[in-house]
Amino acid sequence: MYDKHYFDRGFGSNYKSGYKAKEKSNVKYFHFVRRKAGSLTGKKILDIGCAYGYFLKHCWDSGARVYGMDNSLHAVKIAKRLLPEGKILSGNAENKLPFKYNYFDIVVAFDLIEHLTSPYKFLTETSRILKKDGLLFIATPNADALQKILLKEKWHGFVDMGHKYLMSPLSLKFLVKRAGFREIIINTPFYPLGRFSKILEWTGRGGQIWLEGRK
């Protein structure tokens, strides 16, 4: 189902302009990772569910060694064009990840874990391929979101038929901790509310969960 139509159409109020509008999200994700991880120069970064590779392009421009993986042949083809210097693979995140133990400094999974049949299995695999003190970054719809209460069945977490699991901040933190991560930090940003996002984050009701975990 993850063909050109999937990536170019919109899902709910957050995606009215289609997938190209998500470049703004990738910029936000990049700044989120850069702020937490510091300099990316020389670091090996894997983006699982890399889609068109926009996030990785920002990392490459910052000196990182970039790797991407997606189960969409359409998306991988475009990502390879965007990042001829990177290593972009076609693969299913439901399976054992095709990387060595303790290989990456950073693994990211943005808008991915909600699509998986076994999020816990995926998290144990990310732990396996991360170095000691390596960082995992996740973004996923927040099942406790205020938007869900207001929009009901029109909320973007429900509209995308590819979603299998929707998690709360507490349940996601529980899974990540069980998978072997420590120093878990969670935010629930209220985009696009700008400076008001920080004021409201304490409620835990933002539209997404942003998680940082250290192995």
N, C-alpha and C. Protein backbone atom coordinates (compact mmCIF):
# COMPACT_ATOMS: atom_id res chain seq x y z
N MET A 1 0.81 -1.21 0.00
CA MET A 1 0.00 0.00 0.00
C MET A 1 0.85 1.27 0.00
N TYR A 2 2.14 1.15 0.28
CA TYR A 2 2.97 2.35 0.41
C TYR A 2 3.59 2.73 -0.94
N ASP A 3 2.73 3.12 -1.87
CA ASP A 3 3.14 3.50 -3.21
C ASP A 3 3.11 5.02 -3.35
N LYS A 4 3.25 5.49 -4.58
CA LYS A 4 3.25 6.94 -4.82
C LYS A 4 1.96 7.58 -4.30
N HIS A 5 0.85 6.91 -4.51
CA HIS A 5 -0.43 7.45 -4.05
C HIS A 5 -0.43 7.66 -2.53
N TYR A 6 0.13 6.69 -1.80
CA TYR A 6 0.17 6.81 -0.34
C TYR A 6 0.96 8.04 0.09
N PHE A 7 2.13 8.23 -0.51
CA PHE A 7 3.00 9.32 -0.09
C PHE A 7 2.52 10.70 -0.53
N ASP A 8 1.80 10.77 -1.64
CA ASP A 8 1.42 12.07 -2.18
C ASP A 8 0.03 12.53 -1.77
N ARG A 9 -0.78 11.64 -1.20
CA ARG A 9 -2.10 12.07 -0.76
C ARG A 9 -2.01 12.60 0.67
N GLY A 10 -3.10 13.16 1.17
CA GLY A 10 -3.11 13.69 2.53
C GLY A 10 -3.86 12.78 3.48
N PHE A 11 -3.55 12.90 4.78
CA PHE A 11 -4.29 12.17 5.81
C PHE A 11 -4.72 13.17 6.88
N GLY A 12 -5.99 13.52 6.88
CA GLY A 12 -6.50 14.35 7.95
C GLY A 12 -5.98 15.77 7.94
N SER A 13 -6.23 16.50 9.00
CA SER A 13 -5.96 17.93 9.04
C SER A 13 -4.47 18.24 9.03
N ASN A 14 -3.61 17.32 9.49
CA ASN A 14 -2.18 17.61 9.55
C ASN A 14 -1.49 17.44 8.21
N TYR A 15 -2.15 16.84 7.25
CA TYR A 15 -1.49 16.48 6.00
C TYR A 15 -2.27 16.96 4.77
N LYS A 16 -2.93 18.10 4.86
CA LYS A 16 -3.80 18.56 3.78
C LYS A 16 -3.05 18.78 2.47
N SER A 17 -1.80 19.13 2.53
CA SER A 17 -1.03 19.42 1.32
C SER A 17 -0.30 18.19 0.81
N GLY A 18 -0.59 17.01 1.33
CA GLY A 18 0.07 15.80 0.88
C GLY A 18 1.43 15.61 1.53
N TYR A 19 2.15 14.59 1.04
CA TYR A 19 3.40 14.21 1.69
C TYR A 19 4.47 15.29 1.59
N LYS A 20 4.45 16.08 0.50
CA LYS A 20 5.48 17.11 0.34
C LYS A 20 5.46 18.10 1.50
N ALA A 21 4.29 18.32 2.07
CA ALA A 21 4.18 19.21 3.22
C ALA A 21 4.94 18.67 4.42
N LYS A 22 5.20 17.35 4.44
CA LYS A 22 5.88 16.77 5.59
C LYS A 22 7.35 17.12 5.62
N GLU A 23 7.86 17.79 4.57
CA GLU A 23 9.23 18.29 4.65
C GLU A 23 9.39 19.19 5.86
N LYS A 24 8.34 19.95 6.20
CA LYS A 24 8.40 20.79 7.40
C LYS A 24 8.59 19.93 8.64
N SER A 25 7.92 18.77 8.68
CA SER A 25 8.09 17.87 9.82
C SER A 25 9.50 17.34 9.88
N ASN A 26 10.08 17.04 8.72
CA ASN A 26 11.45 16.53 8.71
C ASN A 26 12.45 17.56 9.21
N VAL A 27 12.21 18.83 8.91
CA VAL A 27 13.06 19.89 9.45
C VAL A 27 12.95 19.92 10.97
N LYS A 28 11.73 19.79 11.49
CA LYS A 28 11.52 19.78 12.94
C LYS A 28 12.18 18.56 13.56
N TYR A 29 12.05 17.41 12.91
CA TYR A 29 12.69 16.20 13.43
C TYR A 29 14.20 16.36 13.46
N PHE A 30 14.75 16.95 12.39
CA PHE A 30 16.19 17.15 12.33
C PHE A 30 16.68 18.02 13.48
N HIS A 31 15.99 19.13 13.72
CA HIS A 31 16.41 20.02 14.80
C HIS A 31 16.24 19.35 16.17
N PHE A 32 15.22 18.52 16.30
CA PHE A 32 15.01 17.75 17.52
C PHE A 32 16.21 16.83 17.78
N VAL A 33 16.63 16.09 16.76
CA VAL A 33 17.77 15.17 16.90
C VAL A 33 19.06 15.96 17.13
N ARG A 34 19.27 17.00 16.36
CA ARG A 34 20.51 17.79 16.48
C ARG A 34 20.62 18.42 17.86
N ARG A 35 19.50 18.88 18.39
CA ARG A 35 19.52 19.51 19.71
C ARG A 35 19.89 18.51 20.79
N LYS A 36 19.42 17.26 20.65
CA LYS A 36 19.66 16.25 21.67
C LYS A 36 21.01 15.55 21.49
N ALA A 37 21.42 15.34 20.23
CA ALA A 37 22.62 14.54 19.96
C ALA A 37 23.88 15.37 19.80
N GLY A 38 23.74 16.68 19.63
CA GLY A 38 24.92 17.52 19.41
C GLY A 38 25.42 17.39 17.98
N SER A 39 26.71 17.55 17.80
CA SER A 39 27.30 17.46 16.46
C SER A 39 27.04 16.09 15.84
N LEU A 40 26.68 16.11 14.57
CA LEU A 40 26.42 14.85 13.85
C LEU A 40 27.59 14.43 12.99
N THR A 41 28.63 15.21 12.98
CA THR A 41 29.78 14.93 12.11
C THR A 41 30.36 13.55 12.39
N GLY A 42 30.41 12.73 11.34
CA GLY A 42 31.02 11.41 11.46
C GLY A 42 30.15 10.35 12.09
N LYS A 43 28.98 10.72 12.60
CA LYS A 43 28.12 9.75 13.27
C LYS A 43 27.32 8.95 12.24
N LYS A 44 27.11 7.68 12.55
CA LYS A 44 26.32 6.81 11.68
C LYS A 44 24.86 6.87 12.13
N ILE A 45 24.00 7.32 11.22
CA ILE A 45 22.59 7.52 11.52
C ILE A 45 21.76 6.64 10.60
N LEU A 46 20.85 5.89 11.18
CA LEU A 46 19.92 5.07 10.42
C LEU A 46 18.50 5.62 10.60
N ASP A 47 17.84 5.87 9.48
CA ASP A 47 16.43 6.28 9.49
C ASP A 47 15.61 5.11 8.97
N ILE A 48 14.86 4.47 9.87
CA ILE A 48 14.01 3.34 9.49
C ILE A 48 12.62 3.88 9.15
N GLY A 49 12.19 3.60 7.93
CA GLY A 49 11.00 4.25 7.41
C GLY A 49 11.37 5.62 6.86
N CYS A 50 12.48 5.64 6.10
CA CYS A 50 13.08 6.92 5.68
C CYS A 50 12.27 7.65 4.62
N ALA A 51 11.29 6.98 3.99
CA ALA A 51 10.47 7.60 2.95
C ALA A 51 11.36 8.21 1.87
N TYR A 52 11.15 9.50 1.56
CA TYR A 52 11.89 10.13 0.46
C TYR A 52 13.30 10.58 0.86
N GLY A 53 13.67 10.42 2.13
CA GLY A 53 15.03 10.73 2.56
C GLY A 53 15.29 12.16 2.96
N TYR A 54 14.23 12.95 3.16
CA TYR A 54 14.42 14.37 3.48
C TYR A 54 15.17 14.57 4.79
N PHE A 55 14.78 13.81 5.81
CA PHE A 55 15.47 13.93 7.10
C PHE A 55 16.95 13.60 6.95
N LEU A 56 17.27 12.51 6.26
CA LEU A 56 18.66 12.10 6.09
C LEU A 56 19.48 13.12 5.31
N LYS A 57 18.82 13.81 4.39
CA LYS A 57 19.54 14.84 3.62
C LYS A 57 20.05 15.93 4.56
N HIS A 58 19.25 16.32 5.53
CA HIS A 58 19.70 17.31 6.51
C HIS A 58 20.88 16.77 7.32
N CYS A 59 20.82 15.50 7.68
CA CYS A 59 21.91 14.88 8.44
C CYS A 59 23.18 14.81 7.60
N TRP A 60 23.05 14.44 6.34
CA TRP A 60 24.21 14.37 5.45
C TRP A 60 24.87 15.74 5.31
N ASP A 61 24.06 16.76 5.15
CA ASP A 61 24.58 18.12 5.03
C ASP A 61 25.30 18.57 6.30
N SER A 62 25.01 17.89 7.42
CA SER A 62 25.65 18.21 8.70
C SER A 62 26.84 17.30 9.00
N GLY A 63 27.24 16.49 8.02
CA GLY A 63 28.45 15.68 8.18
C GLY A 63 28.24 14.27 8.66
N ALA A 64 26.99 13.81 8.78
CA ALA A 64 26.73 12.45 9.26
C ALA A 64 26.92 11.43 8.14
N ARG A 65 27.13 10.19 8.53
CA ARG A 65 27.13 9.05 7.60
C ARG A 65 25.73 8.46 7.64
N VAL A 66 25.03 8.52 6.53
CA VAL A 66 23.59 8.26 6.58
C VAL A 66 23.22 6.92 5.95
N TYR A 67 22.26 6.27 6.61
CA TYR A 67 21.70 5.00 6.16
C TYR A 67 20.17 5.13 6.25
N GLY A 68 19.49 4.56 5.28
CA GLY A 68 18.04 4.61 5.29
C GLY A 68 17.45 3.27 4.91
N MET A 69 16.22 3.04 5.35
CA MET A 69 15.54 1.79 5.05
C MET A 69 14.05 2.06 4.96
N ASP A 70 13.40 1.50 3.94
CA ASP A 70 11.97 1.66 3.80
C ASP A 70 11.42 0.46 3.03
N ASN A 71 10.18 0.08 3.31
CA ASN A 71 9.61 -1.06 2.60
C ASN A 71 8.90 -0.64 1.31
N SER A 72 8.91 0.66 1.01
CA SER A 72 8.32 1.16 -0.23
C SER A 72 9.39 1.29 -1.30
N LEU A 73 9.28 0.51 -2.36
CA LEU A 73 10.25 0.60 -3.46
C LEU A 73 10.19 1.98 -4.11
N HIS A 74 9.00 2.54 -4.17
CA HIS A 74 8.83 3.89 -4.72
C HIS A 74 9.63 4.91 -3.91
N ALA A 75 9.48 4.87 -2.57
CA ALA A 75 10.19 5.82 -1.71
C ALA A 75 11.70 5.61 -1.76
N VAL A 76 12.14 4.36 -1.75
CA VAL A 76 13.58 4.06 -1.79
C VAL A 76 14.20 4.59 -3.07
N LYS A 77 13.52 4.47 -4.17
CA LYS A 77 14.02 4.96 -5.46
C LYS A 77 14.27 6.47 -5.41
N ILE A 78 13.34 7.20 -4.82
CA ILE A 78 13.49 8.65 -4.71
C ILE A 78 14.59 9.01 -3.72
N ALA A 79 14.63 8.30 -2.59
CA ALA A 79 15.66 8.57 -1.57
C ALA A 79 17.06 8.33 -2.12
N LYS A 80 17.23 7.33 -2.94
CA LYS A 80 18.54 7.06 -3.53
C LYS A 80 18.97 8.18 -4.47
N ARG A 81 18.02 8.77 -5.16
CA ARG A 81 18.33 9.91 -6.02
C ARG A 81 18.76 11.11 -5.19
N LEU A 82 18.05 11.32 -4.09
CA LEU A 82 18.35 12.46 -3.22
C LEU A 82 19.67 12.28 -2.50
N LEU A 83 20.01 11.02 -2.16
CA LEU A 83 21.20 10.73 -1.35
C LEU A 83 22.06 9.68 -2.03
N PRO A 84 22.69 10.01 -3.16
CA PRO A 84 23.55 9.01 -3.82
C PRO A 84 24.74 8.59 -2.97
N GLU A 85 25.11 9.44 -1.98
CA GLU A 85 26.25 9.12 -1.11
C GLU A 85 25.85 8.23 0.05
N GLY A 86 24.54 8.11 0.33
CA GLY A 86 24.07 7.32 1.46
C GLY A 86 23.85 5.87 1.09
N LYS A 87 23.48 5.09 2.08
CA LYS A 87 23.17 3.68 1.87
C LYS A 87 21.68 3.49 2.16
N ILE A 88 20.91 3.44 1.11
CA ILE A 88 19.46 3.34 1.22
C ILE A 88 19.02 1.94 0.80
N LEU A 89 18.33 1.25 1.70
CA LEU A 89 17.95 -0.13 1.46
C LEU A 89 16.44 -0.28 1.43
N SER A 90 15.98 -1.25 0.66
CA SER A 90 14.59 -1.67 0.72
C SER A 90 14.48 -2.81 1.73
N GLY A 91 13.58 -2.68 2.69
CA GLY A 91 13.45 -3.72 3.70
C GLY A 91 12.25 -3.49 4.58
N ASN A 92 11.85 -4.54 5.26
CA ASN A 92 10.67 -4.51 6.12
C ASN A 92 11.10 -4.45 7.58
N ALA A 93 10.67 -3.39 8.26
CA ALA A 93 11.05 -3.21 9.66
C ALA A 93 10.42 -4.25 10.58
N GLU A 94 9.51 -5.06 10.05
CA GLU A 94 8.92 -6.14 10.84
C GLU A 94 9.90 -7.30 11.02
N ASN A 95 10.90 -7.37 10.16
CA ASN A 95 11.86 -8.47 10.18
C ASN A 95 13.12 -8.08 10.94
N LYS A 96 14.04 -9.04 11.09
CA LYS A 96 15.33 -8.73 11.69
C LYS A 96 16.03 -7.69 10.83
N LEU A 97 16.53 -6.64 11.46
CA LEU A 97 17.15 -5.56 10.71
C LEU A 97 18.51 -6.01 10.16
N PRO A 98 18.80 -5.70 8.89
CA PRO A 98 19.99 -6.22 8.22
C PRO A 98 21.27 -5.45 8.55
N PHE A 99 21.54 -5.27 9.85
CA PHE A 99 22.72 -4.52 10.28
C PHE A 99 23.40 -5.25 11.44
N LYS A 100 24.68 -4.97 11.62
CA LYS A 100 25.47 -5.63 12.65
C LYS A 100 25.10 -5.11 14.04
N TYR A 101 25.47 -5.88 15.04
CA TYR A 101 25.34 -5.46 16.43
C TYR A 101 26.18 -4.19 16.66
N ASN A 102 25.67 -3.31 17.51
CA ASN A 102 26.43 -2.16 17.99
C ASN A 102 27.04 -1.34 16.84
N TYR A 103 26.23 -1.07 15.82
CA TYR A 103 26.76 -0.45 14.60
C TYR A 103 26.49 1.04 14.50
N PHE A 104 25.33 1.48 14.98
CA PHE A 104 24.91 2.86 14.76
C PHE A 104 25.04 3.71 16.02
N ASP A 105 25.30 5.00 15.79
CA ASP A 105 25.28 5.98 16.88
C ASP A 105 23.86 6.45 17.16
N ILE A 106 23.07 6.55 16.10
CA ILE A 106 21.71 7.07 16.22
C ILE A 106 20.79 6.28 15.30
N VAL A 107 19.63 5.89 15.82
CA VAL A 107 18.57 5.30 15.00
C VAL A 107 17.32 6.15 15.19
N VAL A 108 16.66 6.49 14.10
CA VAL A 108 15.41 7.25 14.19
C VAL A 108 14.30 6.46 13.52
N ALA A 109 13.09 6.62 14.05
CA ALA A 109 11.89 5.99 13.47
C ALA A 109 10.75 6.98 13.64
N PHE A 110 10.56 7.80 12.62
CA PHE A 110 9.54 8.83 12.67
C PHE A 110 8.30 8.37 11.89
N ASP A 111 7.15 8.43 12.54
CA ASP A 111 5.89 8.04 11.90
C ASP A 111 5.96 6.61 11.38
N LEU A 112 6.54 5.73 12.17
CA LEU A 112 6.73 4.34 11.75
C LEU A 112 6.12 3.33 12.70
N ILE A 113 6.39 3.46 13.99
CA ILE A 113 6.09 2.38 14.92
C ILE A 113 4.60 2.07 14.98
N GLU A 114 3.76 3.06 14.67
CA GLU A 114 2.31 2.83 14.67
C GLU A 114 1.86 1.93 13.52
N HIS A 115 2.74 1.71 12.54
CA HIS A 115 2.42 0.85 11.39
C HIS A 115 2.83 -0.61 11.61
N LEU A 116 3.53 -0.90 12.69
CA LEU A 116 4.13 -2.22 12.86
C LEU A 116 3.23 -3.20 13.61
N THR A 117 3.35 -4.47 13.24
CA THR A 117 2.60 -5.52 13.92
C THR A 117 3.16 -5.80 15.31
N SER A 118 4.50 -5.72 15.46
CA SER A 118 5.13 -5.96 16.75
C SER A 118 6.10 -4.83 17.09
N PRO A 119 5.61 -3.74 17.67
CA PRO A 119 6.50 -2.64 18.07
C PRO A 119 7.62 -3.08 19.01
N TYR A 120 7.30 -4.00 19.92
CA TYR A 120 8.33 -4.44 20.89
C TYR A 120 9.48 -5.16 20.18
N LYS A 121 9.16 -6.05 19.26
CA LYS A 121 10.21 -6.74 18.50
C LYS A 121 11.07 -5.74 17.75
N PHE A 122 10.44 -4.73 17.15
CA PHE A 122 11.19 -3.70 16.45
C PHE A 122 12.12 -2.95 17.40
N LEU A 123 11.65 -2.62 18.58
CA LEU A 123 12.47 -1.88 19.55
C LEU A 123 13.67 -2.70 20.03
N THR A 124 13.49 -4.00 20.22
CA THR A 124 14.63 -4.83 20.63
C THR A 124 15.66 -4.91 19.50
N GLU A 125 15.20 -4.88 18.26
CA GLU A 125 16.12 -4.86 17.12
C GLU A 125 16.91 -3.55 17.05
N THR A 126 16.25 -2.44 17.32
CA THR A 126 16.97 -1.17 17.31
C THR A 126 18.01 -1.14 18.44
N SER A 127 17.67 -1.73 19.57
CA SER A 127 18.64 -1.81 20.67
C SER A 127 19.85 -2.64 20.26
N ARG A 128 19.61 -3.71 19.54
CA ARG A 128 20.70 -4.59 19.11
C ARG A 128 21.69 -3.86 18.21
N ILE A 129 21.22 -3.05 17.28
CA ILE A 129 22.11 -2.43 16.29
C ILE A 129 22.71 -1.11 16.77
N LEU A 130 22.24 -0.60 17.91
CA LEU A 130 22.81 0.63 18.45
C LEU A 130 24.03 0.34 19.31
N LYS A 131 25.01 1.25 19.25
CA LYS A 131 26.17 1.16 20.13
C LYS A 131 25.74 1.46 21.56
N LYS A 132 26.60 1.12 22.50
CA LYS A 132 26.36 1.50 23.89
C LYS A 132 26.32 3.02 23.96
N ASP A 133 25.35 3.55 24.67
CA ASP A 133 25.07 4.99 24.76
C ASP A 133 24.51 5.56 23.47
N GLY A 134 24.19 4.70 22.50
CA GLY A 134 23.55 5.17 21.28
C GLY A 134 22.16 5.70 21.56
N LEU A 135 21.65 6.52 20.64
CA LEU A 135 20.38 7.20 20.84
C LEU A 135 19.31 6.71 19.88
N LEU A 136 18.11 6.54 20.39
CA LEU A 136 16.94 6.20 19.60
C LEU A 136 15.97 7.37 19.68
N PHE A 137 15.46 7.78 18.51
CA PHE A 137 14.46 8.85 18.45
C PHE A 137 13.21 8.32 17.75
N ILE A 138 12.06 8.54 18.37
CA ILE A 138 10.79 8.08 17.83
C ILE A 138 9.80 9.24 17.81
N ALA A 139 9.00 9.30 16.75
CA ALA A 139 7.83 10.18 16.74
C ALA A 139 6.64 9.35 16.29
N THR A 140 5.53 9.47 17.00
CA THR A 140 4.35 8.67 16.70
C THR A 140 3.10 9.42 17.21
N PRO A 141 1.94 9.19 16.62
CA PRO A 141 0.73 9.85 17.13
C PRO A 141 0.50 9.54 18.60
N ASN A 142 0.00 10.52 19.30
CA ASN A 142 -0.24 10.41 20.74
C ASN A 142 -1.69 10.00 20.99
N ALA A 143 -1.88 8.81 21.53
CA ALA A 143 -3.24 8.32 21.81
C ALA A 143 -3.95 9.14 22.89
N ASP A 144 -3.20 9.96 23.62
CA ASP A 144 -3.79 10.85 24.61
C ASP A 144 -4.01 12.26 24.08
N ALA A 145 -3.87 12.46 22.77
CA ALA A 145 -3.90 13.80 22.18
C ALA A 145 -5.24 14.50 22.38
N LEU A 146 -5.16 15.79 22.62
CA LEU A 146 -6.37 16.59 22.69
C LEU A 146 -7.10 16.58 21.35
N GLN A 147 -6.34 16.58 20.25
CA GLN A 147 -6.95 16.54 18.92
C GLN A 147 -7.84 15.31 18.73
N LYS A 148 -7.43 14.20 19.31
CA LYS A 148 -8.23 12.98 19.18
C LYS A 148 -9.60 13.17 19.81
N ILE A 149 -9.63 13.85 20.95
CA ILE A 149 -10.89 14.09 21.63
C ILE A 149 -11.76 15.04 20.82
N LEU A 150 -11.14 16.06 20.22
CA LEU A 150 -11.89 17.06 19.48
C LEU A 150 -12.34 16.59 18.11
N LEU A 151 -11.44 15.87 17.39
CA LEU A 151 -11.72 15.48 16.01
C LEU A 151 -12.38 14.11 15.90
N LYS A 152 -12.25 13.30 16.95
CA LYS A 152 -12.82 11.95 16.99
C LYS A 152 -12.34 11.13 15.79
N GLU A 153 -13.26 10.56 15.01
CA GLU A 153 -12.85 9.65 13.94
C GLU A 153 -12.09 10.35 12.81
N LYS A 154 -12.08 11.68 12.80
CA LYS A 154 -11.34 12.42 11.77
C LYS A 154 -9.90 12.73 12.19
N TRP A 155 -9.54 12.35 13.40
CA TRP A 155 -8.17 12.55 13.88
C TRP A 155 -7.20 11.76 12.99
N HIS A 156 -6.02 12.35 12.71
CA HIS A 156 -5.08 11.74 11.76
C HIS A 156 -4.61 10.36 12.20
N GLY A 157 -4.59 10.10 13.50
CA GLY A 157 -4.18 8.78 13.98
C GLY A 157 -5.15 7.69 13.56
N PHE A 158 -6.42 8.04 13.39
CA PHE A 158 -7.44 7.09 12.98
C PHE A 158 -7.58 7.00 11.46
N VAL A 159 -7.34 8.11 10.77
CA VAL A 159 -7.63 8.19 9.33
C VAL A 159 -6.68 7.33 8.50
N ASP A 160 -5.42 7.26 8.90
CA ASP A 160 -4.45 6.46 8.15
C ASP A 160 -4.72 4.98 8.40
N MET A 161 -5.16 4.27 7.37
CA MET A 161 -5.54 2.87 7.52
C MET A 161 -4.32 1.96 7.72
N GLY A 162 -3.13 2.49 7.56
CA GLY A 162 -1.92 1.70 7.80
C GLY A 162 -1.55 1.59 9.26
N HIS A 163 -2.21 2.37 10.13
CA HIS A 163 -1.89 2.35 11.55
C HIS A 163 -2.46 1.10 12.22
N LYS A 164 -1.60 0.42 12.99
CA LYS A 164 -2.02 -0.78 13.72
C LYS A 164 -2.08 -0.55 15.23
N TYR A 165 -1.19 0.30 15.75
CA TYR A 165 -1.15 0.59 17.18
C TYR A 165 -1.07 2.09 17.39
N LEU A 166 -1.76 2.56 18.40
CA LEU A 166 -1.66 3.95 18.84
C LEU A 166 -1.32 3.93 20.32
N MET A 167 -0.27 4.66 20.70
CA MET A 167 0.25 4.56 22.06
C MET A 167 0.16 5.89 22.80
N SER A 168 0.05 5.77 24.10
CA SER A 168 0.15 6.93 24.97
C SER A 168 1.61 7.14 25.34
N PRO A 169 1.97 8.30 25.86
CA PRO A 169 3.35 8.49 26.31
C PRO A 169 3.79 7.43 27.32
N LEU A 170 2.90 7.05 28.24
CA LEU A 170 3.26 6.08 29.27
C LEU A 170 3.49 4.69 28.67
N SER A 171 2.61 4.26 27.76
CA SER A 171 2.76 2.92 27.19
C SER A 171 3.99 2.83 26.29
N LEU A 172 4.29 3.89 25.53
CA LEU A 172 5.48 3.87 24.69
C LEU A 172 6.74 3.85 25.55
N LYS A 173 6.76 4.63 26.60
CA LYS A 173 7.91 4.64 27.50
C LYS A 173 8.12 3.25 28.11
N PHE A 174 7.04 2.59 28.49
CA PHE A 174 7.11 1.24 29.05
C PHE A 174 7.76 0.28 28.05
N LEU A 175 7.32 0.30 26.80
CA LEU A 175 7.86 -0.59 25.78
C LEU A 175 9.34 -0.34 25.52
N VAL A 176 9.70 0.93 25.39
CA VAL A 176 11.09 1.28 25.10
C VAL A 176 12.00 0.87 26.25
N LYS A 177 11.54 1.07 27.46
CA LYS A 177 12.32 0.65 28.63
C LYS A 177 12.49 -0.85 28.66
N ARG A 178 11.44 -1.61 28.39
CA ARG A 178 11.51 -3.07 28.37
C ARG A 178 12.45 -3.58 27.28
N ALA A 179 12.60 -2.79 26.22
CA ALA A 179 13.47 -3.19 25.11
C ALA A 179 14.95 -2.91 25.39
N GLY A 180 15.26 -2.33 26.56
CA GLY A 180 16.66 -2.18 26.93
C GLY A 180 17.20 -0.77 26.91
N PHE A 181 16.32 0.22 26.81
CA PHE A 181 16.79 1.60 26.78
C PHE A 181 16.66 2.25 28.16
N ARG A 182 17.45 3.29 28.38
CA ARG A 182 17.43 4.01 29.64
C ARG A 182 17.38 5.51 29.34
N GLU A 183 17.31 6.32 30.35
CA GLU A 183 17.28 7.78 30.21
C GLU A 183 16.25 8.20 29.16
N ILE A 184 15.05 7.69 29.31
CA ILE A 184 13.99 7.94 28.32
C ILE A 184 13.34 9.29 28.61
N ILE A 185 13.31 10.13 27.57
CA ILE A 185 12.71 11.46 27.69
C ILE A 185 11.58 11.57 26.67
N ILE A 186 10.43 12.05 27.10
CA ILE A 186 9.26 12.16 26.23
C ILE A 186 8.73 13.59 26.23
N ASN A 187 8.39 14.06 25.03
CA ASN A 187 7.69 15.33 24.87
C ASN A 187 6.45 15.08 24.01
N THR A 188 5.45 15.92 24.17
CA THR A 188 4.25 15.84 23.33
C THR A 188 3.97 17.24 22.77
N PRO A 189 4.70 17.63 21.73
CA PRO A 189 4.58 19.00 21.20
C PRO A 189 3.21 19.31 20.62
N PHE A 190 2.83 20.56 20.77
CA PHE A 190 1.58 21.06 20.20
C PHE A 190 1.90 21.90 18.96
N TYR A 191 2.12 21.23 17.84
CA TYR A 191 2.32 21.97 16.60
C TYR A 191 0.96 22.14 15.92
N PRO A 192 0.74 23.31 15.25
CA PRO A 192 1.69 24.40 14.98
C PRO A 192 1.50 25.60 15.89
N LEU A 193 1.53 25.40 17.18
CA LEU A 193 1.25 26.48 18.13
C LEU A 193 2.47 27.30 18.52
N GLY A 194 3.63 27.00 17.92
CA GLY A 194 4.82 27.80 18.16
C GLY A 194 5.21 27.87 19.62
N ARG A 195 5.40 29.08 20.13
CA ARG A 195 5.87 29.26 21.50
C ARG A 195 4.89 28.72 22.54
N PHE A 196 3.61 28.63 22.18
CA PHE A 196 2.62 28.11 23.12
C PHE A 196 2.76 26.60 23.32
N SER A 197 3.46 25.96 22.38
CA SER A 197 3.67 24.51 22.50
C SER A 197 4.33 24.16 23.82
N LYS A 198 5.36 24.90 24.19
CA LYS A 198 6.10 24.62 25.42
C LYS A 198 5.21 24.81 26.65
N ILE A 199 4.34 25.78 26.57
CA ILE A 199 3.46 26.05 27.71
C ILE A 199 2.49 24.90 27.93
N LEU A 200 2.05 24.28 26.83
CA LEU A 200 1.02 23.25 26.90
C LEU A 200 1.58 21.83 27.02
N GLU A 201 2.88 21.66 26.79
CA GLU A 201 3.45 20.31 26.76
C GLU A 201 3.28 19.55 28.06
N TRP A 202 3.23 20.25 29.16
CA TRP A 202 3.12 19.58 30.46
C TRP A 202 1.84 18.76 30.57
N THR A 203 0.85 19.06 29.73
CA THR A 203 -0.41 18.33 29.79
C THR A 203 -0.29 16.92 29.23
N GLY A 204 0.74 16.68 28.38
CA GLY A 204 0.87 15.38 27.73
C GLY A 204 -0.15 15.12 26.65
N ARG A 205 -0.80 16.20 26.16
CA ARG A 205 -1.92 16.06 25.22
C ARG A 205 -1.59 16.53 23.80
N GLY A 206 -0.32 16.73 23.50
CA GLY A 206 0.06 17.15 22.15
C GLY A 206 -0.25 16.07 21.12
N GLY A 207 -0.24 16.45 19.85
CA GLY A 207 -0.65 15.52 18.80
C GLY A 207 0.30 14.39 18.54
N GLN A 208 1.58 14.56 18.89
CA GLN A 208 2.58 13.52 18.70
C GLN A 208 3.34 13.26 19.99
N ILE A 209 3.90 12.05 20.06
CA ILE A 209 4.88 11.72 21.09
C ILE A 209 6.24 11.80 20.45
N TRP A 210 7.14 12.56 21.03
CA TRP A 210 8.55 12.57 20.61
C TRP A 210 9.36 11.94 21.74
N LEU A 211 10.02 10.86 21.43
CA LEU A 211 10.76 10.11 22.45
C LEU A 211 12.24 10.04 22.11
N GLU A 212 13.05 10.22 23.15
CA GLU A 212 14.50 10.01 23.05
C GLU A 212 14.89 8.95 24.08
N GLY A 213 15.56 7.91 23.63
CA GLY A 213 16.02 6.86 24.53
C GLY A 213 17.49 6.58 24.33
N ARG A 214 18.19 6.35 25.41
CA ARG A 214 19.61 6.03 25.33
C ARG A 214 19.83 4.58 25.72
N LYS A 215 20.60 3.87 24.92
CA LYS A 215 20.86 2.45 25.18
C LYS A 215 21.77 2.29 26.39
